[in-house]
Amino acid sequence: MAHESVSKVNHLLERLERDKHDWKKMPRSRDFPSNGIEFLKIWKGVMVDKLVTQIRNQKNLILESEKLQLSEVEMDGTDIGDLQNIINQIDVALENLPDGYKRLFLRWKFQILDLVIKELNEMKTQTKHSHTH
């Protein structure tokens, strides 16, 4: 949900920051609040920061509950939607796995959460669309 909201804010920012002669520039009236673009950027950053905090808390719970070391659990990038699906599949698989496999799946989940944090932090600073057509 946060990823979708950030994508929408990015779309608004892209349109708001266009050249004043561009027909896709938004808004065409003078009703847009003063410093509205700066507000949207700050709001997007706060939203992403809160989500990152929640993900970090989830990571810490995994480390504490399974007595894992940070060095045991790290990974590299893909689409956030795909990552969420993988996390959901890992959660389902964890219910039926023996302890040895459970530890492996928790490591994967931890690494995926790291990737999500990285992607979200990058979304704070970019105004381009964060999806492909």
N, C-alpha and C. Protein backbone atom coordinates (compact mmCIF):
# COMPACT_ATOMS: atom_id res chain seq x y z
N MET A 1 0.83 -1.19 0.00
CA MET A 1 0.00 0.00 0.00
C MET A 1 0.88 1.26 0.00
N ALA A 2 1.93 1.25 0.80
CA ALA A 2 2.83 2.40 0.85
C ALA A 2 3.53 2.59 -0.49
N HIS A 3 3.93 1.47 -1.12
CA HIS A 3 4.59 1.55 -2.42
C HIS A 3 3.67 2.20 -3.44
N GLU A 4 2.40 1.80 -3.45
CA GLU A 4 1.43 2.38 -4.38
C GLU A 4 1.23 3.87 -4.09
N SER A 5 1.16 4.25 -2.82
CA SER A 5 0.98 5.66 -2.45
C SER A 5 2.19 6.49 -2.88
N VAL A 6 3.39 5.96 -2.66
CA VAL A 6 4.60 6.68 -3.08
C VAL A 6 4.62 6.84 -4.59
N SER A 7 4.19 5.83 -5.32
CA SER A 7 4.14 5.92 -6.79
C SER A 7 3.19 7.03 -7.22
N LYS A 8 2.06 7.15 -6.55
CA LYS A 8 1.10 8.21 -6.88
C LYS A 8 1.65 9.59 -6.56
N VAL A 9 2.32 9.71 -5.42
CA VAL A 9 2.95 10.99 -5.06
C VAL A 9 4.02 11.33 -6.08
N ASN A 10 4.81 10.33 -6.50
CA ASN A 10 5.84 10.57 -7.53
C ASN A 10 5.21 11.08 -8.82
N HIS A 11 4.07 10.50 -9.19
CA HIS A 11 3.37 10.94 -10.41
C HIS A 11 2.94 12.40 -10.26
N LEU A 12 2.37 12.75 -9.12
CA LEU A 12 1.97 14.15 -8.88
C LEU A 12 3.18 15.08 -8.94
N LEU A 13 4.26 14.70 -8.28
CA LEU A 13 5.46 15.54 -8.28
C LEU A 13 6.02 15.72 -9.68
N GLU A 14 6.01 14.65 -10.45
CA GLU A 14 6.49 14.75 -11.84
C GLU A 14 5.68 15.78 -12.62
N ARG A 15 4.36 15.74 -12.47
CA ARG A 15 3.49 16.67 -13.19
C ARG A 15 3.63 18.10 -12.65
N LEU A 16 3.78 18.24 -11.34
CA LEU A 16 3.89 19.56 -10.73
C LEU A 16 5.21 20.26 -11.08
N GLU A 17 6.26 19.48 -11.31
CA GLU A 17 7.58 20.05 -11.56
C GLU A 17 7.88 20.28 -13.04
N ARG A 18 6.93 20.00 -13.90
CA ARG A 18 7.14 20.22 -15.34
C ARG A 18 7.25 21.71 -15.65
N ASP A 19 7.81 22.00 -16.82
CA ASP A 19 7.92 23.37 -17.30
C ASP A 19 6.53 23.99 -17.41
N LYS A 20 6.40 25.28 -17.11
CA LYS A 20 5.07 25.90 -17.08
C LYS A 20 4.38 25.90 -18.45
N HIS A 21 5.11 25.68 -19.54
CA HIS A 21 4.50 25.65 -20.88
C HIS A 21 4.13 24.24 -21.32
N ASP A 22 4.48 23.24 -20.52
CA ASP A 22 4.17 21.86 -20.83
C ASP A 22 2.67 21.62 -20.58
N TRP A 23 1.96 21.06 -21.55
CA TRP A 23 0.51 20.88 -21.40
C TRP A 23 0.15 19.85 -20.34
N LYS A 24 1.11 19.01 -19.94
CA LYS A 24 0.86 18.04 -18.87
C LYS A 24 1.18 18.59 -17.48
N LYS A 25 1.66 19.83 -17.43
CA LYS A 25 1.98 20.44 -16.14
C LYS A 25 0.72 20.54 -15.30
N MET A 26 0.89 20.36 -14.04
CA MET A 26 -0.20 20.43 -13.10
C MET A 26 0.20 21.40 -12.01
N PRO A 27 -0.65 22.14 -11.41
CA PRO A 27 -2.02 22.45 -11.81
C PRO A 27 -2.04 23.59 -12.80
N ARG A 28 -3.13 23.74 -13.49
CA ARG A 28 -3.26 24.82 -14.44
C ARG A 28 -3.83 26.07 -13.76
N SER A 29 -4.41 25.89 -12.59
CA SER A 29 -4.94 27.05 -11.87
C SER A 29 -3.96 27.48 -10.80
N ARG A 30 -4.27 28.55 -10.12
CA ARG A 30 -3.42 29.06 -9.04
C ARG A 30 -3.91 28.55 -7.68
N ASP A 31 -4.76 27.52 -7.68
CA ASP A 31 -5.33 27.02 -6.44
C ASP A 31 -4.38 26.12 -5.66
N PHE A 32 -3.32 25.66 -6.28
CA PHE A 32 -2.40 24.77 -5.59
C PHE A 32 -1.71 25.54 -4.47
N PRO A 33 -1.62 24.96 -3.29
CA PRO A 33 -1.05 25.68 -2.14
C PRO A 33 0.40 26.10 -2.35
N SER A 34 0.75 27.20 -1.75
CA SER A 34 2.13 27.65 -1.75
C SER A 34 2.98 26.59 -1.06
N ASN A 35 4.14 26.28 -1.61
CA ASN A 35 5.05 25.25 -1.10
C ASN A 35 4.42 23.85 -1.13
N GLY A 36 3.45 23.63 -1.99
CA GLY A 36 2.78 22.33 -2.08
C GLY A 36 3.72 21.22 -2.52
N ILE A 37 4.61 21.52 -3.45
CA ILE A 37 5.56 20.51 -3.92
C ILE A 37 6.47 20.07 -2.78
N GLU A 38 6.98 21.03 -2.02
CA GLU A 38 7.84 20.71 -0.88
C GLU A 38 7.08 19.87 0.15
N PHE A 39 5.80 20.22 0.37
CA PHE A 39 4.98 19.44 1.30
C PHE A 39 4.86 17.99 0.84
N LEU A 40 4.57 17.78 -0.45
CA LEU A 40 4.43 16.42 -0.96
C LEU A 40 5.72 15.62 -0.79
N LYS A 41 6.86 16.26 -1.04
CA LYS A 41 8.14 15.57 -0.89
C LYS A 41 8.38 15.19 0.57
N ILE A 42 8.08 16.09 1.49
CA ILE A 42 8.27 15.79 2.91
C ILE A 42 7.30 14.69 3.35
N TRP A 43 6.05 14.78 2.92
CA TRP A 43 5.04 13.79 3.29
C TRP A 43 5.44 12.41 2.80
N LYS A 44 5.91 12.35 1.55
CA LYS A 44 6.37 11.08 0.99
C LYS A 44 7.53 10.53 1.81
N GLY A 45 8.46 11.39 2.19
CA GLY A 45 9.60 10.95 3.00
C GLY A 45 9.18 10.42 4.36
N VAL A 46 8.23 11.08 5.00
CA VAL A 46 7.74 10.63 6.31
C VAL A 46 7.05 9.28 6.18
N MET A 47 6.24 9.12 5.14
CA MET A 47 5.53 7.87 4.90
C MET A 47 6.54 6.72 4.71
N VAL A 48 7.55 6.95 3.92
CA VAL A 48 8.56 5.92 3.66
C VAL A 48 9.36 5.64 4.94
N ASP A 49 9.70 6.69 5.69
CA ASP A 49 10.44 6.49 6.94
C ASP A 49 9.67 5.61 7.92
N LYS A 50 8.36 5.84 8.04
CA LYS A 50 7.55 5.02 8.94
C LYS A 50 7.53 3.57 8.50
N LEU A 51 7.42 3.34 7.21
CA LEU A 51 7.43 1.97 6.69
C LEU A 51 8.78 1.31 6.93
N VAL A 52 9.86 2.04 6.72
CA VAL A 52 11.20 1.51 6.96
C VAL A 52 11.36 1.14 8.43
N THR A 53 10.84 1.96 9.33
CA THR A 53 10.91 1.67 10.75
C THR A 53 10.17 0.38 11.08
N GLN A 54 8.99 0.19 10.49
CA GLN A 54 8.22 -1.03 10.72
C GLN A 54 8.97 -2.26 10.21
N ILE A 55 9.60 -2.13 9.05
CA ILE A 55 10.35 -3.26 8.48
C ILE A 55 11.57 -3.57 9.35
N ARG A 56 12.25 -2.53 9.81
CA ARG A 56 13.41 -2.76 10.68
C ARG A 56 12.99 -3.45 11.98
N ASN A 57 11.86 -3.05 12.52
CA ASN A 57 11.35 -3.71 13.73
C ASN A 57 11.07 -5.18 13.45
N GLN A 58 10.50 -5.48 12.29
CA GLN A 58 10.22 -6.86 11.92
C GLN A 58 11.53 -7.64 11.81
N LYS A 59 12.55 -7.02 11.23
CA LYS A 59 13.85 -7.67 11.12
C LYS A 59 14.43 -7.97 12.50
N ASN A 60 14.33 -7.01 13.40
CA ASN A 60 14.86 -7.20 14.74
C ASN A 60 14.14 -8.33 15.47
N LEU A 61 12.83 -8.42 15.26
CA LEU A 61 12.07 -9.51 15.87
C LEU A 61 12.54 -10.87 15.35
N ILE A 62 12.83 -10.92 14.06
CA ILE A 62 13.35 -12.17 13.48
C ILE A 62 14.68 -12.53 14.12
N LEU A 63 15.57 -11.54 14.21
CA LEU A 63 16.89 -11.80 14.80
C LEU A 63 16.77 -12.28 16.24
N GLU A 64 15.92 -11.60 17.01
CA GLU A 64 15.76 -11.95 18.42
C GLU A 64 15.09 -13.30 18.61
N SER A 65 14.00 -13.53 17.90
CA SER A 65 13.24 -14.75 18.12
C SER A 65 13.98 -16.00 17.64
N GLU A 66 14.80 -15.86 16.63
CA GLU A 66 15.51 -17.01 16.08
C GLU A 66 16.99 -17.02 16.43
N LYS A 67 17.41 -16.03 17.22
CA LYS A 67 18.81 -15.93 17.65
C LYS A 67 19.77 -15.99 16.46
N LEU A 68 19.44 -15.22 15.43
CA LEU A 68 20.28 -15.15 14.23
C LEU A 68 21.26 -13.99 14.37
N GLN A 69 22.38 -14.10 13.69
CA GLN A 69 23.34 -13.01 13.60
C GLN A 69 23.09 -12.24 12.31
N LEU A 70 23.31 -10.94 12.33
CA LEU A 70 23.11 -10.11 11.14
C LEU A 70 23.91 -10.64 9.96
N SER A 71 25.11 -11.11 10.19
CA SER A 71 25.96 -11.62 9.11
C SER A 71 25.40 -12.88 8.46
N GLU A 72 24.46 -13.53 9.12
CA GLU A 72 23.91 -14.77 8.58
C GLU A 72 22.83 -14.53 7.53
N VAL A 73 22.39 -13.28 7.37
CA VAL A 73 21.15 -13.06 6.61
C VAL A 73 21.17 -11.96 5.54
N GLU A 74 21.99 -11.80 4.55
CA GLU A 74 21.91 -10.65 3.63
C GLU A 74 21.65 -10.97 2.14
N MET A 75 21.10 -9.92 0.94
CA MET A 75 20.55 -10.18 -0.45
C MET A 75 20.59 -8.95 -1.39
N ASP A 76 20.21 -9.01 -2.74
CA ASP A 76 20.24 -7.89 -3.71
C ASP A 76 19.00 -7.79 -4.60
N GLY A 77 18.59 -6.63 -5.11
CA GLY A 77 17.37 -6.08 -5.67
C GLY A 77 16.45 -6.75 -6.67
N THR A 78 15.16 -6.38 -6.59
CA THR A 78 14.10 -6.75 -7.53
C THR A 78 12.89 -5.87 -7.25
N ASP A 79 11.75 -6.14 -7.85
CA ASP A 79 10.54 -5.35 -7.68
C ASP A 79 9.93 -5.56 -6.28
N ILE A 80 9.48 -4.48 -5.65
CA ILE A 80 8.93 -4.56 -4.30
C ILE A 80 7.70 -5.46 -4.25
N GLY A 81 6.85 -5.41 -5.25
CA GLY A 81 5.68 -6.28 -5.29
C GLY A 81 6.08 -7.75 -5.30
N ASP A 82 7.10 -8.08 -6.09
CA ASP A 82 7.60 -9.45 -6.12
C ASP A 82 8.17 -9.85 -4.77
N LEU A 83 8.87 -8.91 -4.14
CA LEU A 83 9.45 -9.20 -2.83
C LEU A 83 8.37 -9.49 -1.80
N GLN A 84 7.27 -8.74 -1.84
CA GLN A 84 6.18 -8.98 -0.90
C GLN A 84 5.57 -10.36 -1.12
N ASN A 85 5.41 -10.76 -2.37
CA ASN A 85 4.89 -12.09 -2.65
C ASN A 85 5.81 -13.18 -2.11
N ILE A 86 7.11 -12.97 -2.24
CA ILE A 86 8.08 -13.93 -1.73
C ILE A 86 7.98 -14.02 -0.20
N ILE A 87 7.86 -12.87 0.45
CA ILE A 87 7.72 -12.86 1.91
C ILE A 87 6.48 -13.64 2.34
N ASN A 88 5.37 -13.42 1.64
CA ASN A 88 4.13 -14.14 1.96
C ASN A 88 4.31 -15.64 1.78
N GLN A 89 4.99 -16.04 0.70
CA GLN A 89 5.23 -17.47 0.47
C GLN A 89 6.13 -18.06 1.55
N ILE A 90 7.11 -17.30 1.97
CA ILE A 90 8.00 -17.76 3.04
C ILE A 90 7.21 -17.96 4.33
N ASP A 91 6.33 -17.03 4.65
CA ASP A 91 5.51 -17.15 5.87
C ASP A 91 4.65 -18.41 5.84
N VAL A 92 4.07 -18.72 4.68
CA VAL A 92 3.26 -19.94 4.55
C VAL A 92 4.15 -21.18 4.70
N ALA A 93 5.30 -21.15 4.06
CA ALA A 93 6.20 -22.31 4.11
C ALA A 93 6.73 -22.55 5.52
N LEU A 94 6.95 -21.49 6.28
CA LEU A 94 7.50 -21.63 7.63
C LEU A 94 6.62 -22.47 8.54
N GLU A 95 5.32 -22.47 8.28
CA GLU A 95 4.39 -23.20 9.14
C GLU A 95 4.61 -24.71 9.07
N ASN A 96 5.15 -25.21 7.98
CA ASN A 96 5.25 -26.65 7.77
C ASN A 96 6.68 -27.18 7.65
N LEU A 97 7.66 -26.36 7.97
CA LEU A 97 9.05 -26.78 7.78
C LEU A 97 9.70 -27.24 9.09
N PRO A 98 10.60 -28.21 8.99
CA PRO A 98 11.42 -28.57 10.16
C PRO A 98 12.35 -27.42 10.51
N ASP A 99 12.85 -27.40 11.74
CA ASP A 99 13.65 -26.27 12.23
C ASP A 99 14.85 -25.93 11.34
N GLY A 100 15.55 -26.92 10.80
CA GLY A 100 16.71 -26.65 9.95
C GLY A 100 16.35 -25.83 8.71
N TYR A 101 15.24 -26.16 8.09
CA TYR A 101 14.79 -25.41 6.92
C TYR A 101 14.18 -24.07 7.32
N LYS A 102 13.56 -24.04 8.48
CA LYS A 102 12.95 -22.80 8.97
C LYS A 102 13.99 -21.70 9.08
N ARG A 103 15.16 -22.03 9.59
CA ARG A 103 16.24 -21.06 9.74
C ARG A 103 16.66 -20.50 8.37
N LEU A 104 16.75 -21.36 7.37
CA LEU A 104 17.10 -20.94 6.02
C LEU A 104 16.06 -19.97 5.45
N PHE A 105 14.79 -20.31 5.60
CA PHE A 105 13.73 -19.44 5.09
C PHE A 105 13.70 -18.10 5.82
N LEU A 106 13.98 -18.11 7.11
CA LEU A 106 14.03 -16.84 7.87
C LEU A 106 15.18 -15.97 7.39
N ARG A 107 16.28 -16.57 7.02
CA ARG A 107 17.40 -15.81 6.46
C ARG A 107 16.98 -15.14 5.15
N TRP A 108 16.28 -15.88 4.32
CA TRP A 108 15.82 -15.31 3.05
C TRP A 108 14.85 -14.16 3.30
N LYS A 109 13.94 -14.34 4.23
CA LYS A 109 12.97 -13.28 4.55
C LYS A 109 13.71 -12.03 5.04
N PHE A 110 14.69 -12.22 5.88
CA PHE A 110 15.47 -11.11 6.41
C PHE A 110 16.17 -10.35 5.27
N GLN A 111 16.77 -11.07 4.35
CA GLN A 111 17.45 -10.43 3.23
C GLN A 111 16.47 -9.67 2.34
N ILE A 112 15.32 -10.22 2.14
CA ILE A 112 14.30 -9.56 1.32
C ILE A 112 13.85 -8.27 2.00
N LEU A 113 13.66 -8.30 3.31
CA LEU A 113 13.27 -7.08 4.03
C LEU A 113 14.35 -6.00 3.89
N ASP A 114 15.62 -6.40 3.87
CA ASP A 114 16.71 -5.43 3.63
C ASP A 114 16.55 -4.77 2.26
N LEU A 115 16.23 -5.57 1.25
CA LEU A 115 16.04 -5.03 -0.10
C LEU A 115 14.87 -4.05 -0.15
N VAL A 116 13.79 -4.38 0.53
CA VAL A 116 12.63 -3.49 0.56
C VAL A 116 13.01 -2.15 1.18
N ILE A 117 13.76 -2.17 2.27
CA ILE A 117 14.20 -0.93 2.91
C ILE A 117 15.04 -0.11 1.94
N LYS A 118 15.96 -0.77 1.25
CA LYS A 118 16.82 -0.07 0.30
C LYS A 118 15.98 0.59 -0.80
N GLU A 119 15.04 -0.16 -1.37
CA GLU A 119 14.19 0.37 -2.43
C GLU A 119 13.35 1.54 -1.93
N LEU A 120 12.82 1.42 -0.72
CA LEU A 120 11.98 2.48 -0.17
C LEU A 120 12.79 3.75 0.08
N ASN A 121 14.01 3.59 0.60
CA ASN A 121 14.86 4.76 0.82
C ASN A 121 15.18 5.45 -0.50
N GLU A 122 15.39 4.68 -1.57
CA GLU A 122 15.65 5.27 -2.88
C GLU A 122 14.41 6.00 -3.40
N MET A 123 13.22 5.48 -3.08
CA MET A 123 11.98 6.10 -3.54
C MET A 123 11.78 7.48 -2.91
N LYS A 124 12.36 7.70 -1.73
CA LYS A 124 12.22 9.00 -1.07
C LYS A 124 12.85 10.11 -1.88
N THR A 125 13.92 9.81 -2.59
CA THR A 125 14.67 10.85 -3.28
C THR A 125 14.38 10.95 -4.77
N GLN A 126 13.62 10.00 -5.34
CA GLN A 126 13.35 10.06 -6.76
C GLN A 126 11.91 10.50 -7.01
N THR A 127 11.70 11.15 -8.15
CA THR A 127 10.34 11.57 -8.50
C THR A 127 9.83 10.86 -9.73
N LYS A 128 10.63 9.97 -10.29
CA LYS A 128 10.17 9.23 -11.46
C LYS A 128 9.20 8.13 -11.02
N HIS A 129 8.43 7.63 -11.97
CA HIS A 129 7.52 6.53 -11.67
C HIS A 129 8.31 5.33 -11.17
N SER A 130 7.75 4.63 -10.18
CA SER A 130 8.47 3.49 -9.64
C SER A 130 7.90 2.17 -10.14
N HIS A 131 7.20 2.25 -11.28
CA HIS A 131 6.70 1.02 -11.91
C HIS A 131 6.96 1.08 -13.40
N THR A 132 6.83 -0.05 -14.05
CA THR A 132 7.04 -0.10 -15.50
C THR A 132 5.73 -0.37 -16.20
N HIS A 133 5.65 0.01 -17.47
CA HIS A 133 4.43 -0.20 -18.25
C HIS A 133 4.58 -1.41 -19.13
